[in-house]
Amino acid sequence: MPRLADRQREFGSALLDPARPLPWGLVGPDGEPSLRRFSVYRNNVVVGLIDALKDAFPAVHRIVGDEFFKGLAHAYVVQEPPASPILLDYGAGFPSFIGKFEPAAVLPYLPDVARIERAWMEAYHAPEAASLDLAGLTALAPDDFIDIGFSLHPSLRIVRSPFPALTIWRMNTGDDEPALVDLASGGEDALIVRPAAEVEVRRMPPGGAEFVEQLAAEASVGEALRAAARCDEEFDLAANLAGLFEAGALTGWRLKAQMTDGKAA
């Protein structure tokens, strides 16, 4: 008789692979094996996971259509079944999977649209945190500003794309009919954050993503500024910081490696 762990693995594998035989020892109410009963259960599980992906990636679903999405999602479900009983966690690897799914290669921007959708969901369910009030920096000497660092809101996500993925995502989140988008128009970097009840999604200016990524790596404002300037010589520090404050993306600041709640250490 197989061990319980082996039987559980066999059961899980058979759920997602119709080519596998009925799991050993599985019987119906009459005490007899029933492939038909198990097939119904298997179908319900797969359909449920596909529907969960459809709910989590509505723009991707709208772009490719229902039939294509079902085939795409089914392939993903078979290759990457849930690793957690929390269905909300499912789909983290879906954007990367889309990038490897050969039939989707004609839509090279699609993985990045999916990354925006995943980042939106993660931001929505991220922990709460109070955003930094600009007035909290008034005690800081002007000469010290370049040496401070900022802590970022736990919901903050950045999605970078060589395509206008943010524009495409926005065009497929409402009821309006999408228009044509010039894929050669350049890439877009998106900032996703939820400082309050609503998720904010903003297009970042050139150099903005590099600036925030450096802040996330605990760089000072000066270090982050130099990284952003390498990307865009006309990087506007004041405008970018104002945008981050407006979005509620900052929660604290530090000076000389001392994290604060927005007051000088």
C-alpha atoms as a PDB file:
ATOM      1  CA  MET A   1       0.000   0.000   0.000  1.00  0.00           C
ATOM      2  CA  PRO A   2       1.467   3.397  -0.948  1.00  0.00           C
ATOM      3  CA  ARG A   3       2.389   5.834   1.809  1.00  0.00           C
ATOM      4  CA  LEU A   4      -0.006   8.711   2.517  1.00  0.00           C
ATOM      5  CA  ALA A   5       2.461  11.293   1.165  1.00  0.00           C
ATOM      6  CA  ASP A   6       2.834   9.314  -2.073  1.00  0.00           C
ATOM      7  CA  ARG A   7      -0.924   9.007  -2.416  1.00  0.00           C
ATOM      8  CA  GLN A   8      -1.336  12.758  -1.914  1.00  0.00           C
ATOM      9  CA  ARG A   9       1.261  13.508  -4.584  1.00  0.00           C
ATOM     10  CA  GLU A  10      -0.410  11.061  -6.945  1.00  0.00           C
ATOM     11  CA  PHE A  11      -3.793  12.642  -6.275  1.00  0.00           C
ATOM     12  CA  GLY A  12      -2.465  16.167  -6.893  1.00  0.00           C
ATOM     13  CA  SER A  13      -0.738  15.159 -10.124  1.00  0.00           C
ATOM     14  CA  ALA A  14      -3.827  13.361 -11.428  1.00  0.00           C
ATOM     15  CA  LEU A  15      -5.973  16.428 -10.744  1.00  0.00           C
ATOM     16  CA  LEU A  16      -4.109  18.449 -13.364  1.00  0.00           C
ATOM     17  CA  ASP A  17      -3.212  15.730 -15.865  1.00  0.00           C
ATOM     18  CA  PRO A  18      -6.147  13.907 -17.499  1.00  0.00           C
ATOM     19  CA  ALA A  19      -3.723  11.404 -19.006  1.00  0.00           C
ATOM     20  CA  ARG A  20      -2.936   9.990 -15.566  1.00  0.00           C
ATOM     21  CA  PRO A  21      -4.979   7.055 -14.261  1.00  0.00           C
ATOM     22  CA  LEU A  22      -7.446   7.238 -11.408  1.00  0.00           C
ATOM     23  CA  PRO A  23      -5.476   7.575  -8.139  1.00  0.00           C
ATOM     24  CA  TRP A  24      -5.030   4.341  -6.222  1.00  0.00           C
ATOM     25  CA  GLY A  25      -7.675   3.604  -3.593  1.00  0.00           C
ATOM     26  CA  LEU A  26     -10.053   6.368  -4.686  1.00  0.00           C
ATOM     27  CA  VAL A  27     -13.652   5.120  -4.641  1.00  0.00           C
ATOM     28  CA  GLY A  28     -17.133   6.596  -4.793  1.00  0.00           C
ATOM     29  CA  PRO A  29     -20.001   6.299  -2.291  1.00  0.00           C
ATOM     30  CA  ASP A  30     -20.682   2.814  -3.592  1.00  0.00           C
ATOM     31  CA  GLY A  31     -17.149   1.707  -2.740  1.00  0.00           C
ATOM     32  CA  GLU A  32     -16.217   1.327  -6.407  1.00  0.00           C
ATOM     33  CA  PRO A  33     -13.608   3.315  -8.401  1.00  0.00           C
ATOM     34  CA  SER A  34     -15.202   5.904 -10.671  1.00  0.00           C
ATOM     35  CA  LEU A  35     -13.085   7.723 -13.254  1.00  0.00           C
ATOM     36  CA  ARG A  36     -16.164   9.682 -14.300  1.00  0.00           C
ATOM     37  CA  ARG A  37     -16.659  11.128 -10.822  1.00  0.00           C
ATOM     38  CA  PHE A  38     -12.989  12.011 -10.541  1.00  0.00           C
ATOM     39  CA  SER A  39     -13.020  13.644 -13.990  1.00  0.00           C
ATOM     40  CA  VAL A  40     -15.845  15.936 -12.882  1.00  0.00           C
ATOM     41  CA  TYR A  41     -13.887  16.893  -9.780  1.00  0.00           C
ATOM     42  CA  ARG A  42     -10.719  17.407 -11.827  1.00  0.00           C
ATOM     43  CA  ASN A  43     -12.557  19.658 -14.271  1.00  0.00           C
ATOM     44  CA  ASN A  44     -14.008  21.754 -11.444  1.00  0.00           C
ATOM     45  CA  VAL A  45     -10.563  22.285  -9.919  1.00  0.00           C
ATOM     46  CA  VAL A  46      -8.993  23.360 -13.214  1.00  0.00           C
ATOM     47  CA  VAL A  47     -11.908  25.606 -14.123  1.00  0.00           C
ATOM     48  CA  GLY A  48     -11.731  27.218 -10.683  1.00  0.00           C
ATOM     49  CA  LEU A  49      -8.032  28.007 -11.090  1.00  0.00           C
ATOM     50  CA  ILE A  50      -8.557  29.388 -14.589  1.00  0.00           C
ATOM     51  CA  ASP A  51     -11.360  31.601 -13.303  1.00  0.00           C
ATOM     52  CA  ALA A  52      -9.083  32.838 -10.512  1.00  0.00           C
ATOM     53  CA  LEU A  53      -6.481  33.856 -13.095  1.00  0.00           C
ATOM     54  CA  LYS A  54      -9.160  35.516 -15.212  1.00  0.00           C
ATOM     55  CA  ASP A  55     -10.227  37.603 -12.213  1.00  0.00           C
ATOM     56  CA  ALA A  56      -6.622  38.504 -11.363  1.00  0.00           C
ATOM     57  CA  PHE A  57      -5.606  39.434 -14.920  1.00  0.00           C
ATOM     58  CA  PRO A  58      -8.678  41.072 -16.516  1.00  0.00           C
ATOM     59  CA  ALA A  59      -6.685  43.233 -18.949  1.00  0.00           C
ATOM     60  CA  VAL A  60      -4.742  40.233 -20.233  1.00  0.00           C
ATOM     61  CA  HIS A  61      -8.031  38.387 -20.646  1.00  0.00           C
ATOM     62  CA  ARG A  62      -9.555  41.268 -22.582  1.00  0.00           C
ATOM     63  CA  ILE A  63      -6.526  41.625 -24.854  1.00  0.00           C
ATOM     64  CA  VAL A  64      -6.288  37.968 -25.908  1.00  0.00           C
ATOM     65  CA  GLY A  65      -9.957  36.967 -25.736  1.00  0.00           C
ATOM     66  CA  ASP A  66     -11.696  34.226 -23.791  1.00  0.00           C
ATOM     67  CA  GLU A  67     -10.638  31.160 -25.764  1.00  0.00           C
ATOM     68  CA  PHE A  68      -6.962  32.107 -25.974  1.00  0.00           C
ATOM     69  CA  PHE A  69      -6.922  32.998 -22.288  1.00  0.00           C
ATOM     70  CA  LYS A  70      -8.426  29.653 -21.315  1.00  0.00           C
ATOM     71  CA  GLY A  71      -5.714  27.821 -23.263  1.00  0.00           C
ATOM     72  CA  LEU A  72      -2.991  30.038 -21.788  1.00  0.00           C
ATOM     73  CA  ALA A  73      -4.304  29.716 -18.244  1.00  0.00           C
ATOM     74  CA  HIS A  74      -4.809  25.959 -18.541  1.00  0.00           C
ATOM     75  CA  ALA A  75      -1.210  25.507 -19.654  1.00  0.00           C
ATOM     76  CA  TYR A  76      -0.069  27.562 -16.672  1.00  0.00           C
ATOM     77  CA  VAL A  77      -2.254  25.653 -14.210  1.00  0.00           C
ATOM     78  CA  VAL A  78      -0.791  22.338 -15.371  1.00  0.00           C
ATOM     79  CA  GLN A  79       2.790  23.600 -15.170  1.00  0.00           C
ATOM     80  CA  GLU A  80       2.487  25.680 -12.000  1.00  0.00           C
ATOM     81  CA  PRO A  81      -0.246  24.396  -9.675  1.00  0.00           C
ATOM     82  CA  PRO A  82      -0.953  26.339  -6.482  1.00  0.00           C
ATOM     83  CA  ALA A  83       1.702  26.091  -3.787  1.00  0.00           C
ATOM     84  CA  SER A  84      -0.538  27.666  -1.163  1.00  0.00           C
ATOM     85  CA  PRO A  85      -4.127  27.027  -0.056  1.00  0.00           C
ATOM     86  CA  ILE A  86      -4.676  30.802  -0.299  1.00  0.00           C
ATOM     87  CA  LEU A  87      -6.010  31.304  -3.802  1.00  0.00           C
ATOM     88  CA  LEU A  88      -5.177  35.012  -3.622  1.00  0.00           C
ATOM     89  CA  ASP A  89      -1.485  34.084  -3.787  1.00  0.00           C
ATOM     90  CA  TYR A  90      -1.921  32.168  -7.031  1.00  0.00           C
ATOM     91  CA  GLY A  91      -0.621  33.630 -10.273  1.00  0.00           C
ATOM     92  CA  ALA A  92       2.650  35.226  -9.168  1.00  0.00           C
ATOM     93  CA  GLY A  93       4.491  33.371 -11.927  1.00  0.00           C
ATOM     94  CA  PHE A  94       1.846  33.978 -14.593  1.00  0.00           C
ATOM     95  CA  PRO A  95       3.537  37.036 -16.187  1.00  0.00           C
ATOM     96  CA  SER A  96       6.820  35.153 -16.634  1.00  0.00           C
ATOM     97  CA  PHE A  97       4.945  32.138 -17.969  1.00  0.00           C
ATOM     98  CA  ILE A  98       3.261  34.324 -20.598  1.00  0.00           C
ATOM     99  CA  GLY A  99       6.716  35.389 -21.781  1.00  0.00           C
ATOM    100  CA  LYS A 100       7.589  31.735 -22.427  1.00  0.00           C
ATOM    101  CA  PHE A 101       4.241  30.775 -23.958  1.00  0.00           C
ATOM    102  CA  GLU A 102       5.021  30.530 -27.672  1.00  0.00           C
ATOM    103  CA  PRO A 103       1.525  31.368 -29.001  1.00  0.00           C
ATOM    104  CA  ALA A 104       1.710  34.681 -27.082  1.00  0.00           C
ATOM    105  CA  ALA A 105       4.993  35.713 -28.713  1.00  0.00           C
ATOM    106  CA  VAL A 106       3.076  37.895 -31.188  1.00  0.00           C
ATOM    107  CA  LEU A 107       2.129  40.108 -28.226  1.00  0.00           C
ATOM    108  CA  PRO A 108       5.560  40.947 -26.757  1.00  0.00           C
ATOM    109  CA  TYR A 109       4.099  43.529 -24.362  1.00  0.00           C
ATOM    110  CA  LEU A 110       1.663  41.071 -22.769  1.00  0.00           C
ATOM    111  CA  PRO A 111       3.970  39.831 -19.957  1.00  0.00           C
ATOM    112  CA  ASP A 112       4.513  43.418 -18.827  1.00  0.00           C
ATOM    113  CA  VAL A 113       0.787  44.149 -18.850  1.00  0.00           C
ATOM    114  CA  ALA A 114       0.393  41.064 -16.653  1.00  0.00           C
ATOM    115  CA  ARG A 115       3.154  42.334 -14.341  1.00  0.00           C
ATOM    116  CA  ILE A 116       1.262  45.596 -13.880  1.00  0.00           C
ATOM    117  CA  GLU A 117      -1.873  43.646 -12.987  1.00  0.00           C
ATOM    118  CA  ARG A 118      -0.002  41.455 -10.523  1.00  0.00           C
ATOM    119  CA  ALA A 119       1.679  44.499  -8.974  1.00  0.00           C
ATOM    120  CA  TRP A 120      -1.744  46.156  -8.626  1.00  0.00           C
ATOM    121  CA  MET A 121      -3.077  43.144  -6.734  1.00  0.00           C
ATOM    122  CA  GLU A 122      -0.010  42.919  -4.497  1.00  0.00           C
ATOM    123  CA  ALA A 123      -0.243  46.634  -3.734  1.00  0.00           C
ATOM    124  CA  TYR A 124      -3.936  46.335  -2.916  1.00  0.00           C
ATOM    125  CA  HIS A 125      -3.288  43.610  -0.330  1.00  0.00           C
ATOM    126  CA  ALA A 126      -0.016  45.030   1.044  1.00  0.00           C
ATOM    127  CA  PRO A 127       0.325  46.121   4.704  1.00  0.00           C
ATOM    128  CA  GLU A 128      -0.870  49.551   5.769  1.00  0.00           C
ATOM    129  CA  ALA A 129       1.600  52.355   6.474  1.00  0.00           C
ATOM    130  CA  ALA A 130       1.345  56.074   7.084  1.00  0.00           C
ATOM    131  CA  SER A 131       2.771  58.221   4.299  1.00  0.00           C
ATOM    132  CA  LEU A 132       5.416  60.792   5.125  1.00  0.00           C
ATOM    133  CA  ASP A 133       4.254  64.371   5.537  1.00  0.00           C
ATOM    134  CA  LEU A 134       6.508  66.843   3.749  1.00  0.00           C
ATOM    135  CA  ALA A 135       6.392  68.989   6.875  1.00  0.00           C
ATOM    136  CA  GLY A 136       8.331  66.258   8.624  1.00  0.00           C
ATOM    137  CA  LEU A 137      11.485  67.385   6.817  1.00  0.00           C
ATOM    138  CA  THR A 138      11.407  70.949   8.113  1.00  0.00           C
ATOM    139  CA  ALA A 139      13.858  70.141  10.907  1.00  0.00           C
ATOM    140  CA  LEU A 140      16.441  68.989   8.379  1.00  0.00           C
ATOM    141  CA  ALA A 141      19.282  71.344   7.465  1.00  0.00           C
ATOM    142  CA  PRO A 142      19.349  72.114   3.703  1.00  0.00           C
ATOM    143  CA  ASP A 143      22.948  70.914   3.352  1.00  0.00           C
ATOM    144  CA  ASP A 144      22.007  67.525   4.810  1.00  0.00           C
ATOM    145  CA  PHE A 145      19.184  66.817   2.387  1.00  0.00           C
ATOM    146  CA  ILE A 146      21.384  65.164  -0.234  1.00  0.00           C
ATOM    147  CA  ASP A 147      22.614  62.671   2.399  1.00  0.00           C
ATOM    148  CA  ILE A 148      19.243  61.436   3.615  1.00  0.00           C
ATOM    149  CA  GLY A 149      17.477  58.317   2.461  1.00  0.00           C
ATOM    150  CA  PHE A 150      13.785  57.542   2.288  1.00  0.00           C
ATOM    151  CA  SER A 151      11.854  54.446   3.282  1.00  0.00           C
ATOM    152  CA  LEU A 152       9.196  53.399   0.801  1.00  0.00           C
ATOM    153  CA  HIS A 153       5.593  52.397   1.324  1.00  0.00           C
ATOM    154  CA  PRO A 154       5.284  48.578   1.633  1.00  0.00           C
ATOM    155  CA  SER A 155       2.735  48.532  -1.177  1.00  0.00           C
ATOM    156  CA  LEU A 156       5.051  50.242  -3.669  1.00  0.00           C
ATOM    157  CA  ARG A 157       5.865  48.308  -6.820  1.00  0.00           C
ATOM    158  CA  ILE A 158       7.669  49.333 -10.018  1.00  0.00           C
ATOM    159  CA  VAL A 159       7.086  47.682 -13.379  1.00  0.00           C
ATOM    160  CA  ARG A 160       9.474  48.602 -16.191  1.00  0.00           C
ATOM    161  CA  SER A 161       8.759  47.813 -19.803  1.00  0.00           C
ATOM    162  CA  PRO A 162      10.412  48.509 -23.166  1.00  0.00           C
ATOM    163  CA  PHE A 163       6.858  48.800 -24.522  1.00  0.00           C
ATOM    164  CA  PRO A 164       4.012  51.230 -23.756  1.00  0.00           C
ATOM    165  CA  ALA A 165       2.590  48.550 -21.441  1.00  0.00           C
ATOM    166  CA  LEU A 166       1.045  51.016 -19.008  1.00  0.00           C
ATOM    167  CA  THR A 167      -0.895  52.712 -21.807  1.00  0.00           C
ATOM    168  CA  ILE A 168      -2.080  49.317 -23.075  1.00  0.00           C
ATOM    169  CA  TRP A 169      -3.108  48.257 -19.554  1.00  0.00           C
ATOM    170  CA  ARG A 170      -5.093  51.442 -19.015  1.00  0.00           C
ATOM    171  CA  MET A 171      -6.872  51.040 -22.342  1.00  0.00           C
ATOM    172  CA  ASN A 172      -8.019  47.570 -21.311  1.00  0.00           C
ATOM    173  CA  THR A 173      -9.242  48.267 -17.792  1.00  0.00           C
ATOM    174  CA  GLY A 174     -12.401  50.162 -18.679  1.00  0.00           C
ATOM    175  CA  ASP A 175     -15.389  49.714 -20.932  1.00  0.00           C
ATOM    176  CA  ASP A 176     -14.092  51.883 -23.771  1.00  0.00           C
ATOM    177  CA  GLU A 177     -12.958  50.320 -27.028  1.00  0.00           C
ATOM    178  CA  PRO A 178      -9.115  50.106 -27.093  1.00  0.00           C
ATOM    179  CA  ALA A 179      -7.325  52.123 -29.768  1.00  0.00           C
ATOM    180  CA  LEU A 180      -4.177  51.283 -31.679  1.00  0.00           C
ATOM    181  CA  VAL A 181      -0.914  51.753 -29.793  1.00  0.00           C
ATOM    182  CA  ASP A 182       2.429  52.336 -31.495  1.00  0.00           C
ATOM    183  CA  LEU A 183       4.713  49.715 -29.922  1.00  0.00           C
ATOM    184  CA  ALA A 184       7.724  51.640 -31.218  1.00  0.00           C
ATOM    185  CA  SER A 185       6.725  54.758 -29.265  1.00  0.00           C
ATOM    186  CA  GLY A 186       9.019  53.807 -26.403  1.00  0.00           C
ATOM    187  CA  GLY A 187       8.922  52.065 -23.071  1.00  0.00           C
ATOM    188  CA  GLU A 188       7.046  53.054 -19.939  1.00  0.00           C
ATOM    189  CA  ASP A 189       7.839  52.622 -16.272  1.00  0.00           C
ATOM    190  CA  ALA A 190       4.891  52.314 -13.904  1.00  0.00           C
ATOM    191  CA  LEU A 191       4.732  53.114 -10.197  1.00  0.00           C
ATOM    192  CA  ILE A 192       2.020  51.243  -8.307  1.00  0.00           C
ATOM    193  CA  VAL A 193       1.266  52.141  -4.693  1.00  0.00           C
ATOM    194  CA  ARG A 194      -1.682  52.093  -2.280  1.00  0.00           C
ATOM    195  CA  PRO A 195      -1.171  54.770   0.365  1.00  0.00           C
ATOM    196  CA  ALA A 196      -4.855  54.765   1.341  1.00  0.00           C
ATOM    197  CA  ALA A 197      -7.946  52.961   0.075  1.00  0.00           C
ATOM    198  CA  GLU A 198      -7.223  53.212  -3.642  1.00  0.00           C
ATOM    199  CA  VAL A 199      -4.296  51.857  -5.642  1.00  0.00           C
ATOM    200  CA  GLU A 200      -2.403  54.610  -7.472  1.00  0.00           C
ATOM    201  CA  VAL A 201      -0.850  53.753 -10.847  1.00  0.00           C
ATOM    202  CA  ARG A 202       1.400  56.411 -12.359  1.00  0.00           C
ATOM    203  CA  ARG A 203       3.752  56.674 -15.286  1.00  0.00           C
ATOM    204  CA  MET A 204       7.219  57.536 -14.079  1.00  0.00           C
ATOM    205  CA  PRO A 205       9.364  60.159 -15.830  1.00  0.00           C
ATOM    206  CA  PRO A 206      12.731  59.154 -17.348  1.00  0.00           C
ATOM    207  CA  GLY A 207      15.133  58.254 -14.580  1.00  0.00           C
ATOM    208  CA  GLY A 208      12.324  57.993 -12.032  1.00  0.00           C
ATOM    209  CA  ALA A 209      12.432  54.207 -11.793  1.00  0.00           C
ATOM    210  CA  GLU A 210      16.205  54.215 -11.285  1.00  0.00           C
ATOM    211  CA  PHE A 211      15.798  56.849  -8.569  1.00  0.00           C
ATOM    212  CA  VAL A 212      13.177  54.864  -6.650  1.00  0.00           C
ATOM    213  CA  GLU A 213      15.036  51.575  -7.081  1.00  0.00           C
ATOM    214  CA  GLN A 214      18.115  53.170  -5.526  1.00  0.00           C
ATOM    215  CA  LEU A 215      16.056  54.502  -2.622  1.00  0.00           C
ATOM    216  CA  ALA A 216      14.669  50.996  -2.142  1.00  0.00           C
ATOM    217  CA  ALA A 217      18.260  49.744  -1.929  1.00  0.00           C
ATOM    218  CA  GLU A 218      18.840  52.245   0.934  1.00  0.00           C
ATOM    219  CA  ALA A 219      20.836  54.693  -1.166  1.00  0.00           C
ATOM    220  CA  SER A 220      20.918  58.348  -0.185  1.00  0.00           C
ATOM    221  CA  VAL A 221      19.158  61.002  -2.222  1.00  0.00           C
ATOM    222  CA  GLY A 222      22.516  62.010  -3.697  1.00  0.00           C
ATOM    223  CA  GLU A 223      23.393  58.446  -4.710  1.00  0.00           C
ATOM    224  CA  ALA A 224      19.940  57.886  -6.180  1.00  0.00           C
ATOM    225  CA  LEU A 225      20.182  61.193  -8.035  1.00  0.00           C
ATOM    226  CA  ARG A 226      23.458  60.183  -9.675  1.00  0.00           C
ATOM    227  CA  ALA A 227      21.940  56.875 -10.821  1.00  0.00           C
ATOM    228  CA  ALA A 228      18.900  58.657 -12.260  1.00  0.00           C
ATOM    229  CA  ALA A 229      21.079  61.246 -14.019  1.00  0.00           C
ATOM    230  CA  ARG A 230      22.987  58.473 -15.779  1.00  0.00           C
ATOM    231  CA  CYS A 231      19.662  57.442 -17.284  1.00  0.00           C
ATOM    232  CA  ASP A 232      18.425  60.965 -17.997  1.00  0.00           C
ATOM    233  CA  GLU A 233      20.750  63.963 -17.884  1.00  0.00           C
ATOM    234  CA  GLU A 234      17.740  66.242 -17.381  1.00  0.00           C
ATOM    235  CA  PHE A 235      16.391  64.314 -14.403  1.00  0.00           C
ATOM    236  CA  ASP A 236      14.383  66.698 -12.233  1.00  0.00           C
ATOM    237  CA  LEU A 237      14.962  65.815  -8.575  1.00  0.00           C
ATOM    238  CA  ALA A 238      12.429  68.280  -7.187  1.00  0.00           C
ATOM    239  CA  ALA A 239       9.667  67.165  -9.557  1.00  0.00           C
ATOM    240  CA  ASN A 240      10.296  63.471  -8.899  1.00  0.00           C
ATOM    241  CA  LEU A 241      10.302  63.908  -5.121  1.00  0.00           C
ATOM    242  CA  ALA A 242       7.133  65.982  -5.345  1.00  0.00           C
ATOM    243  CA  GLY A 243       5.496  63.169  -7.342  1.00  0.00           C
ATOM    244  CA  LEU A 244       6.522  60.568  -4.754  1.00  0.00           C
ATOM    245  CA  PHE A 245       5.141  62.694  -1.923  1.00  0.00           C
ATOM    246  CA  GLU A 246       1.937  63.296  -3.846  1.00  0.00           C
ATOM    247  CA  ALA A 247       1.533  59.562  -4.456  1.00  0.00           C
ATOM    248  CA  GLY A 248       2.110  58.786  -0.776  1.00  0.00           C
ATOM    249  CA  ALA A 249       5.024  56.556  -1.730  1.00  0.00           C
ATOM    250  CA  LEU A 250       7.371  57.627   1.099  1.00  0.00           C
ATOM    251  CA  THR A 251       6.932  56.668   4.748  1.00  0.00           C
ATOM    252  CA  GLY A 252      10.060  57.890   6.529  1.00  0.00           C
ATOM    253  CA  TRP A 253      13.579  59.196   6.175  1.00  0.00           C
ATOM    254  CA  ARG A 254      16.974  58.440   7.605  1.00  0.00           C
ATOM    255  CA  LEU A 255      20.148  60.414   8.162  1.00  0.00           C
ATOM    256  CA  LYS A 256      23.476  58.717   8.809  1.00  0.00           C
ATOM    257  CA  ALA A 257      21.833  55.256   8.731  1.00  0.00           C
ATOM    258  CA  GLN A 258      19.295  56.138  11.445  1.00  0.00           C
ATOM    259  CA  MET A 259      15.747  55.323  10.298  1.00  0.00           C
ATOM    260  CA  THR A 260      13.090  57.668  11.639  1.00  0.00           C
ATOM    261  CA  ASP A 261       9.362  58.072  11.577  1.00  0.00           C
ATOM    262  CA  GLY A 262       9.749  61.365   9.713  1.00  0.00           C
ATOM    263  CA  LYS A 263      11.564  63.299  12.427  1.00  0.00           C
ATOM    264  CA  ALA A 264      15.251  63.954  12.718  1.00  0.00           C
ATOM    265  CA  ALA A 265      17.185  61.279  14.603  1.00  0.00           C
END
